[in-house]
Amino acid sequence: MQATDLDLLIAAAKESGRIATGFHGTSYDTWDKEDGAGPVTAADLAVNRMLETELLDARPDYGWLSEESAPRQDRQSAERVFIIDPIDGTRSFIEGADTWAHSLAIAERGEVIAGVVYLPKRDLLYSAAKGQGAYLNGEKIQPSARAELSGSDILATRPSFEPRHWTRVPDVTRHHRPSLAYRLALVAQGKFDAMLTLRATWEWDIAAGVLLLNEAGALASDKRGNPLTFNNADPRLPGMVGANPSLHAQILEALA
């Protein structure tokens, strides 16, 4: 029997964790990408090679979009496409911290239908399939029920709260995690009330996390409130906001 798309992603995420954690405690190459796009390591590429081989062997008719390899030219004509970040939070990985993640998703005609965010060093595996809810290590999760934006706990970078971005800067407590995929998962889990990022955002950073939010019962949109669609010709999205419906509306109303 063929594995479901979600089963396939879960198995691939666990293998990604095995490969990536094997680099810790060893000497491996790191370098900076062009145009200030951030660091990359031999571990990122090793995970990416495994995923590209194993996932496309299992689903040869799917498209491919990954941070660490060239997109397949036919990906936009494919009905389904893998959207992959082999290691999200590479700086955290290099530092030997435990807040980096593997982010694996499958989109169908622009909508994410299966997604996994896996933090092997923390033994946290978040998973979701369209219409089936969101889970952490097999237990169902749901977002915060907080109704008031003032006083809420929000995951975001410091520049996101510069006054130029807001009609009024909300009175909230700001938190940060290096991995954007992990930030979305934490909001889906209800550990934080909301998250936002106001700069251009790569699809592979958020695809799996957006499905986690939606299936947990939260809302996710771009920073203007528009729906998020995936497998675009330019895989950059104009920022995003994720929160329960009440806070999501309040954040959008307060943004400039």
C-alpha atoms as a PDB file:
ATOM      1  CA  MET A   1       0.000   0.000   0.000  1.00  0.00           C
ATOM      2  CA  GLN A   2       1.334   3.409  -0.947  1.00  0.00           C
ATOM      3  CA  ALA A   3       2.045   5.742   1.967  1.00  0.00           C
ATOM      4  CA  THR A   4      -0.086   8.861   2.242  1.00  0.00           C
ATOM      5  CA  ASP A   5       1.567  12.168   1.435  1.00  0.00           C
ATOM      6  CA  LEU A   6       1.680  12.999   5.135  1.00  0.00           C
ATOM      7  CA  ASP A   7       3.213   9.632   6.054  1.00  0.00           C
ATOM      8  CA  LEU A   8       5.826  10.209   3.367  1.00  0.00           C
ATOM      9  CA  LEU A   9       6.714  13.638   4.776  1.00  0.00           C
ATOM     10  CA  ILE A  10       6.892  12.356   8.364  1.00  0.00           C
ATOM     11  CA  ALA A  11       9.303   9.569   7.405  1.00  0.00           C
ATOM     12  CA  ALA A  12      11.407  11.999   5.366  1.00  0.00           C
ATOM     13  CA  ALA A  13      11.507  14.517   8.208  1.00  0.00           C
ATOM     14  CA  LYS A  14      12.757  11.881  10.660  1.00  0.00           C
ATOM     15  CA  GLU A  15      15.487  10.830   8.248  1.00  0.00           C
ATOM     16  CA  SER A  16      16.388  14.504   7.777  1.00  0.00           C
ATOM     17  CA  GLY A  17      16.822  14.807  11.533  1.00  0.00           C
ATOM     18  CA  ARG A  18      19.057  11.747  11.633  1.00  0.00           C
ATOM     19  CA  ILE A  19      21.307  13.177   8.909  1.00  0.00           C
ATOM     20  CA  ALA A  20      21.436  16.717  10.276  1.00  0.00           C
ATOM     21  CA  THR A  21      22.140  15.803  13.895  1.00  0.00           C
ATOM     22  CA  GLY A  22      24.952  13.563  12.695  1.00  0.00           C
ATOM     23  CA  PHE A  23      26.886  16.689  11.696  1.00  0.00           C
ATOM     24  CA  HIS A  24      26.925  18.068  15.240  1.00  0.00           C
ATOM     25  CA  GLY A  25      30.186  17.310  16.982  1.00  0.00           C
ATOM     26  CA  THR A  26      32.005  17.064  13.653  1.00  0.00           C
ATOM     27  CA  SER A  27      33.821  19.525  11.422  1.00  0.00           C
ATOM     28  CA  TYR A  28      31.749  20.572   8.407  1.00  0.00           C
ATOM     29  CA  ASP A  29      31.813  23.305   5.779  1.00  0.00           C
ATOM     30  CA  THR A  30      29.769  26.490   6.127  1.00  0.00           C
ATOM     31  CA  TRP A  31      29.617  29.471   3.795  1.00  0.00           C
ATOM     32  CA  ASP A  32      27.462  32.488   2.978  1.00  0.00           C
ATOM     33  CA  LYS A  33      25.106  32.564   0.033  1.00  0.00           C
ATOM     34  CA  GLU A  34      25.246  35.350  -2.512  1.00  0.00           C
ATOM     35  CA  ASP A  35      23.320  38.615  -2.065  1.00  0.00           C
ATOM     36  CA  GLY A  36      23.200  38.316   1.713  1.00  0.00           C
ATOM     37  CA  ALA A  37      20.795  35.358   1.566  1.00  0.00           C
ATOM     38  CA  GLY A  38      22.236  33.846   4.740  1.00  0.00           C
ATOM     39  CA  PRO A  39      24.479  30.922   5.619  1.00  0.00           C
ATOM     40  CA  VAL A  40      24.393  27.394   4.278  1.00  0.00           C
ATOM     41  CA  THR A  41      26.208  24.288   5.473  1.00  0.00           C
ATOM     42  CA  ALA A  42      27.190  20.870   4.254  1.00  0.00           C
ATOM     43  CA  ALA A  43      24.356  19.567   6.463  1.00  0.00           C
ATOM     44  CA  ASP A  44      21.734  21.624   4.581  1.00  0.00           C
ATOM     45  CA  LEU A  45      22.920  20.163   1.299  1.00  0.00           C
ATOM     46  CA  ALA A  46      23.145  16.598   2.580  1.00  0.00           C
ATOM     47  CA  VAL A  47      19.565  16.750   3.852  1.00  0.00           C
ATOM     48  CA  ASN A  48      18.409  18.345   0.623  1.00  0.00           C
ATOM     49  CA  ARG A  49      20.030  15.633  -1.516  1.00  0.00           C
ATOM     50  CA  MET A  50      18.340  12.893   0.481  1.00  0.00           C
ATOM     51  CA  LEU A  51      14.944  14.610   0.329  1.00  0.00           C
ATOM     52  CA  GLU A  52      15.108  15.316  -3.386  1.00  0.00           C
ATOM     53  CA  THR A  53      16.049  11.719  -4.120  1.00  0.00           C
ATOM     54  CA  GLU A  54      13.652   9.972  -1.741  1.00  0.00           C
ATOM     55  CA  LEU A  55      10.606  12.204  -2.184  1.00  0.00           C
ATOM     56  CA  LEU A  56      10.772  12.405  -5.964  1.00  0.00           C
ATOM     57  CA  ASP A  57      11.422   8.670  -6.233  1.00  0.00           C
ATOM     58  CA  ALA A  58       8.204   8.159  -4.261  1.00  0.00           C
ATOM     59  CA  ARG A  59       6.236  10.826  -6.178  1.00  0.00           C
ATOM     60  CA  PRO A  60       7.942  11.307  -9.576  1.00  0.00           C
ATOM     61  CA  ASP A  61       5.060  13.367 -10.975  1.00  0.00           C
ATOM     62  CA  TYR A  62       5.302  16.014  -8.217  1.00  0.00           C
ATOM     63  CA  GLY A  63       7.097  19.306  -8.689  1.00  0.00           C
ATOM     64  CA  TRP A  64      10.051  20.421  -6.582  1.00  0.00           C
ATOM     65  CA  LEU A  65      10.748  23.738  -4.820  1.00  0.00           C
ATOM     66  CA  SER A  66      13.518  23.859  -2.208  1.00  0.00           C
ATOM     67  CA  GLU A  67      15.711  26.519  -0.661  1.00  0.00           C
ATOM     68  CA  GLU A  68      18.845  24.532  -1.437  1.00  0.00           C
ATOM     69  CA  SER A  69      18.386  23.368  -5.029  1.00  0.00           C
ATOM     70  CA  ALA A  70      17.204  24.773  -8.310  1.00  0.00           C
ATOM     71  CA  PRO A  71      13.428  24.465  -8.799  1.00  0.00           C
ATOM     72  CA  ARG A  72      12.355  21.967 -11.426  1.00  0.00           C
ATOM     73  CA  GLN A  73      11.288  23.799 -14.536  1.00  0.00           C
ATOM     74  CA  ASP A  74       7.980  21.960 -14.716  1.00  0.00           C
ATOM     75  CA  ARG A  75       6.947  22.592 -11.094  1.00  0.00           C
ATOM     76  CA  GLN A  76       4.240  25.129 -11.915  1.00  0.00           C
ATOM     77  CA  SER A  77       2.547  22.762 -14.332  1.00  0.00           C
ATOM     78  CA  ALA A  78       2.557  19.923 -11.783  1.00  0.00           C
ATOM     79  CA  GLU A  79      -0.677  19.322  -9.895  1.00  0.00           C
ATOM     80  CA  ARG A  80       1.260  18.803  -6.676  1.00  0.00           C
ATOM     81  CA  VAL A  81       4.663  20.164  -5.603  1.00  0.00           C
ATOM     82  CA  PHE A  82       7.050  19.553  -2.724  1.00  0.00           C
ATOM     83  CA  ILE A  83       8.008  22.790  -0.920  1.00  0.00           C
ATOM     84  CA  ILE A  84      11.065  22.118   1.229  1.00  0.00           C
ATOM     85  CA  ASP A  85      13.392  23.891   3.631  1.00  0.00           C
ATOM     86  CA  PRO A  86      16.011  21.261   4.528  1.00  0.00           C
ATOM     87  CA  ILE A  87      17.108  23.214   7.633  1.00  0.00           C
ATOM     88  CA  ASP A  88      15.159  26.286   8.698  1.00  0.00           C
ATOM     89  CA  GLY A  89      17.229  28.297  11.156  1.00  0.00           C
ATOM     90  CA  THR A  90      20.682  27.450   9.815  1.00  0.00           C
ATOM     91  CA  ARG A  91      22.390  30.007  12.058  1.00  0.00           C
ATOM     92  CA  SER A  92      20.863  28.240  15.063  1.00  0.00           C
ATOM     93  CA  PHE A  93      22.112  24.926  13.655  1.00  0.00           C
ATOM     94  CA  ILE A  94      25.660  26.292  13.264  1.00  0.00           C
ATOM     95  CA  GLU A  95      25.615  27.587  16.846  1.00  0.00           C
ATOM     96  CA  GLY A  96      24.721  24.132  18.115  1.00  0.00           C
ATOM     97  CA  ALA A  97      21.338  25.295  19.442  1.00  0.00           C
ATOM     98  CA  ASP A  98      18.165  23.221  19.262  1.00  0.00           C
ATOM     99  CA  THR A  99      15.611  25.595  17.688  1.00  0.00           C
ATOM    100  CA  TRP A 100      16.272  24.779  14.018  1.00  0.00           C
ATOM    101  CA  ALA A 101      13.724  22.718  12.089  1.00  0.00           C
ATOM    102  CA  HIS A 102      13.030  20.723   8.967  1.00  0.00           C
ATOM    103  CA  SER A 103      10.043  22.132   7.078  1.00  0.00           C
ATOM    104  CA  LEU A 104       8.406  19.845   4.498  1.00  0.00           C
ATOM    105  CA  ALA A 105       5.159  20.517   2.658  1.00  0.00           C
ATOM    106  CA  ILE A 106       3.126  19.472  -0.357  1.00  0.00           C
ATOM    107  CA  ALA A 107       0.923  21.981  -2.168  1.00  0.00           C
ATOM    108  CA  GLU A 108      -1.857  21.140  -4.609  1.00  0.00           C
ATOM    109  CA  ARG A 109      -2.838  23.857  -7.082  1.00  0.00           C
ATOM    110  CA  GLY A 110      -1.514  26.547  -4.755  1.00  0.00           C
ATOM    111  CA  GLU A 111      -2.911  25.179  -1.473  1.00  0.00           C
ATOM    112  CA  VAL A 112      -0.823  23.270   1.086  1.00  0.00           C
ATOM    113  CA  ILE A 113      -2.403  19.878   1.766  1.00  0.00           C
ATOM    114  CA  ALA A 114       0.265  18.162   3.891  1.00  0.00           C
ATOM    115  CA  GLY A 115       3.002  19.577   6.089  1.00  0.00           C
ATOM    116  CA  VAL A 116       5.546  18.646   8.734  1.00  0.00           C
ATOM    117  CA  VAL A 117       7.761  20.807  10.946  1.00  0.00           C
ATOM    118  CA  TYR A 118      10.285  18.690  12.831  1.00  0.00           C
ATOM    119  CA  LEU A 119      12.769  19.780  15.509  1.00  0.00           C
ATOM    120  CA  PRO A 120      14.896  16.684  16.096  1.00  0.00           C
ATOM    121  CA  LYS A 121      16.941  18.152  18.964  1.00  0.00           C
ATOM    122  CA  ARG A 122      13.708  18.902  20.848  1.00  0.00           C
ATOM    123  CA  ASP A 123      11.848  15.763  19.762  1.00  0.00           C
ATOM    124  CA  LEU A 124       8.984  17.895  18.405  1.00  0.00           C
ATOM    125  CA  LEU A 125       7.171  16.682  15.307  1.00  0.00           C
ATOM    126  CA  TYR A 126       4.296  18.892  14.159  1.00  0.00           C
ATOM    127  CA  SER A 127       2.130  17.482  11.378  1.00  0.00           C
ATOM    128  CA  ALA A 128      -1.042  18.276   9.494  1.00  0.00           C
ATOM    129  CA  ALA A 129      -3.026  17.150   6.484  1.00  0.00           C
ATOM    130  CA  LYS A 130      -5.854  19.121   4.936  1.00  0.00           C
ATOM    131  CA  GLY A 131      -9.112  18.527   6.760  1.00  0.00           C
ATOM    132  CA  GLN A 132      -7.550  16.298   9.427  1.00  0.00           C
ATOM    133  CA  GLY A 133      -6.402  18.715  12.146  1.00  0.00           C
ATOM    134  CA  ALA A 134      -2.935  19.632  13.383  1.00  0.00           C
ATOM    135  CA  TYR A 135      -0.846  17.515  15.739  1.00  0.00           C
ATOM    136  CA  LEU A 136       2.279  17.595  17.890  1.00  0.00           C
ATOM    137  CA  ASN A 137       3.807  14.159  18.462  1.00  0.00           C
ATOM    138  CA  GLY A 138       0.418  12.633  17.702  1.00  0.00           C
ATOM    139  CA  GLU A 139      -1.602  14.857  20.047  1.00  0.00           C
ATOM    140  CA  LYS A 140      -4.069  17.367  18.592  1.00  0.00           C
ATOM    141  CA  ILE A 141      -3.165  21.042  19.045  1.00  0.00           C
ATOM    142  CA  GLN A 142      -5.102  24.301  18.927  1.00  0.00           C
ATOM    143  CA  PRO A 143      -4.183  27.993  19.021  1.00  0.00           C
ATOM    144  CA  SER A 144      -4.474  30.463  21.871  1.00  0.00           C
ATOM    145  CA  ALA A 145      -8.003  31.660  22.597  1.00  0.00           C
ATOM    146  CA  ARG A 146      -6.847  35.135  23.631  1.00  0.00           C
ATOM    147  CA  ALA A 147      -9.306  37.786  22.444  1.00  0.00           C
ATOM    148  CA  GLU A 148      -7.400  41.036  23.168  1.00  0.00           C
ATOM    149  CA  LEU A 149      -4.324  42.102  21.213  1.00  0.00           C
ATOM    150  CA  SER A 150      -3.073  44.323  24.038  1.00  0.00           C
ATOM    151  CA  GLY A 151      -0.912  42.262  26.356  1.00  0.00           C
ATOM    152  CA  SER A 152      -0.592  39.316  23.970  1.00  0.00           C
ATOM    153  CA  ASP A 153       2.621  37.371  23.295  1.00  0.00           C
ATOM    154  CA  ILE A 154       3.741  37.700  19.674  1.00  0.00           C
ATOM    155  CA  LEU A 155       6.604  36.031  17.825  1.00  0.00           C
ATOM    156  CA  ALA A 156       8.305  38.563  15.553  1.00  0.00           C
ATOM    157  CA  THR A 157      11.630  40.224  14.840  1.00  0.00           C
ATOM    158  CA  ARG A 158      12.405  43.593  16.420  1.00  0.00           C
ATOM    159  CA  PRO A 159      12.152  45.570  13.123  1.00  0.00           C
ATOM    160  CA  SER A 160       8.547  44.375  12.715  1.00  0.00           C
ATOM    161  CA  PHE A 161       7.542  46.733  15.516  1.00  0.00           C
ATOM    162  CA  GLU A 162       9.073  49.881  14.096  1.00  0.00           C
ATOM    163  CA  PRO A 163       6.371  52.610  14.121  1.00  0.00           C
ATOM    164  CA  ARG A 164       6.458  52.993  10.332  1.00  0.00           C
ATOM    165  CA  HIS A 165       4.723  49.628   9.994  1.00  0.00           C
ATOM    166  CA  TRP A 166       1.735  50.516  12.171  1.00  0.00           C
ATOM    167  CA  THR A 167      -1.132  52.944  12.459  1.00  0.00           C
ATOM    168  CA  ARG A 168      -0.535  52.355  16.161  1.00  0.00           C
ATOM    169  CA  VAL A 169       2.100  50.090  17.655  1.00  0.00           C
ATOM    170  CA  PRO A 170       0.262  47.528  19.811  1.00  0.00           C
ATOM    171  CA  ASP A 171       1.138  47.002  23.471  1.00  0.00           C
ATOM    172  CA  VAL A 172       2.357  43.416  23.242  1.00  0.00           C
ATOM    173  CA  THR A 173       5.267  41.310  24.462  1.00  0.00           C
ATOM    174  CA  ARG A 174       7.605  40.408  21.609  1.00  0.00           C
ATOM    175  CA  HIS A 175       9.380  37.047  21.459  1.00  0.00           C
ATOM    176  CA  HIS A 176      11.681  35.510  18.866  1.00  0.00           C
ATOM    177  CA  ARG A 177      12.675  32.089  17.570  1.00  0.00           C
ATOM    178  CA  PRO A 178      15.236  31.677  14.753  1.00  0.00           C
ATOM    179  CA  SER A 179      13.151  29.265  12.675  1.00  0.00           C
ATOM    180  CA  LEU A 180      10.127  30.823  10.998  1.00  0.00           C
ATOM    181  CA  ALA A 181       8.574  27.372  10.587  1.00  0.00           C
ATOM    182  CA  TYR A 182       8.904  26.825  14.347  1.00  0.00           C
ATOM    183  CA  ARG A 183       7.264  30.197  15.060  1.00  0.00           C
ATOM    184  CA  LEU A 184       4.194  29.175  13.081  1.00  0.00           C
ATOM    185  CA  ALA A 185       4.081  25.796  14.805  1.00  0.00           C
ATOM    186  CA  LEU A 186       4.258  27.432  18.242  1.00  0.00           C
ATOM    187  CA  VAL A 187       1.269  29.649  17.419  1.00  0.00           C
ATOM    188  CA  ALA A 188      -0.665  26.647  16.101  1.00  0.00           C
ATOM    189  CA  GLN A 189       0.130  24.921  19.405  1.00  0.00           C
ATOM    190  CA  GLY A 190      -1.072  27.893  21.471  1.00  0.00           C
ATOM    191  CA  LYS A 191       2.304  28.525  23.106  1.00  0.00           C
ATOM    192  CA  PHE A 192       2.204  32.073  21.722  1.00  0.00           C
ATOM    193  CA  ASP A 193      -0.780  34.175  20.712  1.00  0.00           C
ATOM    194  CA  ALA A 194       0.338  35.291  17.258  1.00  0.00           C
ATOM    195  CA  MET A 195       3.249  35.667  14.872  1.00  0.00           C
ATOM    196  CA  LEU A 196       4.040  38.074  12.080  1.00  0.00           C
ATOM    197  CA  THR A 197       6.768  38.831   9.612  1.00  0.00           C
ATOM    198  CA  LEU A 198       6.566  41.954   7.479  1.00  0.00           C
ATOM    199  CA  ARG A 199       9.400  41.414   5.034  1.00  0.00           C
ATOM    200  CA  ALA A 200       9.295  39.268   1.901  1.00  0.00           C
ATOM    201  CA  THR A 201       9.014  35.630   2.970  1.00  0.00           C
ATOM    202  CA  TRP A 202      10.121  32.554   1.067  1.00  0.00           C
ATOM    203  CA  GLU A 203       7.463  29.904   0.496  1.00  0.00           C
ATOM    204  CA  TRP A 204       9.644  27.109   1.881  1.00  0.00           C
ATOM    205  CA  ASP A 205       9.898  28.887   5.245  1.00  0.00           C
ATOM    206  CA  ILE A 206       6.146  28.981   5.854  1.00  0.00           C
ATOM    207  CA  ALA A 207       4.328  26.411   3.696  1.00  0.00           C
ATOM    208  CA  ALA A 208       4.170  23.646   6.317  1.00  0.00           C
ATOM    209  CA  GLY A 209       3.520  26.086   9.153  1.00  0.00           C
ATOM    210  CA  VAL A 210       0.621  27.754   7.364  1.00  0.00           C
ATOM    211  CA  LEU A 211      -1.157  24.404   7.127  1.00  0.00           C
ATOM    212  CA  LEU A 212      -0.503  23.777  10.828  1.00  0.00           C
ATOM    213  CA  LEU A 213      -2.135  27.118  11.647  1.00  0.00           C
ATOM    214  CA  ASN A 214      -5.146  26.524   9.419  1.00  0.00           C
ATOM    215  CA  GLU A 215      -5.743  22.982  10.629  1.00  0.00           C
ATOM    216  CA  ALA A 216      -5.351  24.004  14.279  1.00  0.00           C
ATOM    217  CA  GLY A 217      -8.089  26.622  13.851  1.00  0.00           C
ATOM    218  CA  ALA A 218      -6.042  29.796  13.376  1.00  0.00           C
ATOM    219  CA  LEU A 219      -5.876  32.109  10.370  1.00  0.00           C
ATOM    220  CA  ALA A 220      -2.893  32.850   8.152  1.00  0.00           C
ATOM    221  CA  SER A 221      -2.684  35.573   5.511  1.00  0.00           C
ATOM    222  CA  ASP A 222      -0.167  37.919   3.999  1.00  0.00           C
ATOM    223  CA  LYS A 223       0.401  41.184   5.872  1.00  0.00           C
ATOM    224  CA  ARG A 224      -2.414  42.840   3.906  1.00  0.00           C
ATOM    225  CA  GLY A 225      -4.920  40.127   4.776  1.00  0.00           C
ATOM    226  CA  ASN A 226      -4.830  38.374   1.401  1.00  0.00           C
ATOM    227  CA  PRO A 227      -4.881  34.558   1.169  1.00  0.00           C
ATOM    228  CA  LEU A 228      -1.515  32.831   0.851  1.00  0.00           C
ATOM    229  CA  THR A 229      -0.999  30.751  -2.279  1.00  0.00           C
ATOM    230  CA  PHE A 230       2.024  28.592  -3.025  1.00  0.00           C
ATOM    231  CA  ASN A 231       4.143  27.389  -5.936  1.00  0.00           C
ATOM    232  CA  ASN A 232       4.306  30.856  -7.458  1.00  0.00           C
ATOM    233  CA  ALA A 233       6.709  31.776 -10.249  1.00  0.00           C
ATOM    234  CA  ASP A 234       8.444  34.038  -7.721  1.00  0.00           C
ATOM    235  CA  PRO A 235       8.413  32.007  -4.484  1.00  0.00           C
ATOM    236  CA  ARG A 236       8.418  35.075  -2.253  1.00  0.00           C
ATOM    237  CA  LEU A 237       5.304  36.176  -0.386  1.00  0.00           C
ATOM    238  CA  PRO A 238       4.713  39.682   1.036  1.00  0.00           C
ATOM    239  CA  GLY A 239       5.079  38.825   4.712  1.00  0.00           C
ATOM    240  CA  MET A 240       2.441  37.099   6.789  1.00  0.00           C
ATOM    241  CA  VAL A 241       0.302  37.201   9.927  1.00  0.00           C
ATOM    242  CA  GLY A 242      -0.849  34.133  11.860  1.00  0.00           C
ATOM    243  CA  ALA A 243      -3.195  34.090  14.861  1.00  0.00           C
ATOM    244  CA  ASN A 244      -6.639  33.068  16.032  1.00  0.00           C
ATOM    245  CA  PRO A 245      -9.421  34.874  14.121  1.00  0.00           C
ATOM    246  CA  SER A 246      -9.875  37.647  16.710  1.00  0.00           C
ATOM    247  CA  LEU A 247      -6.207  38.582  17.036  1.00  0.00           C
ATOM    248  CA  HIS A 248      -5.606  38.138  13.311  1.00  0.00           C
ATOM    249  CA  ALA A 249      -8.242  40.783  12.561  1.00  0.00           C
ATOM    250  CA  GLN A 250      -6.875  43.157  15.223  1.00  0.00           C
ATOM    251  CA  ILE A 251      -3.298  42.879  13.955  1.00  0.00           C
ATOM    252  CA  LEU A 252      -4.342  43.595  10.376  1.00  0.00           C
ATOM    253  CA  GLU A 253      -6.410  46.572  11.517  1.00  0.00           C
ATOM    254  CA  ALA A 254      -3.429  48.011  13.434  1.00  0.00           C
ATOM    255  CA  LEU A 255      -0.908  47.545  10.610  1.00  0.00           C
ATOM    256  CA  ALA A 256      -0.287  50.554   8.390  1.00  0.00           C
END
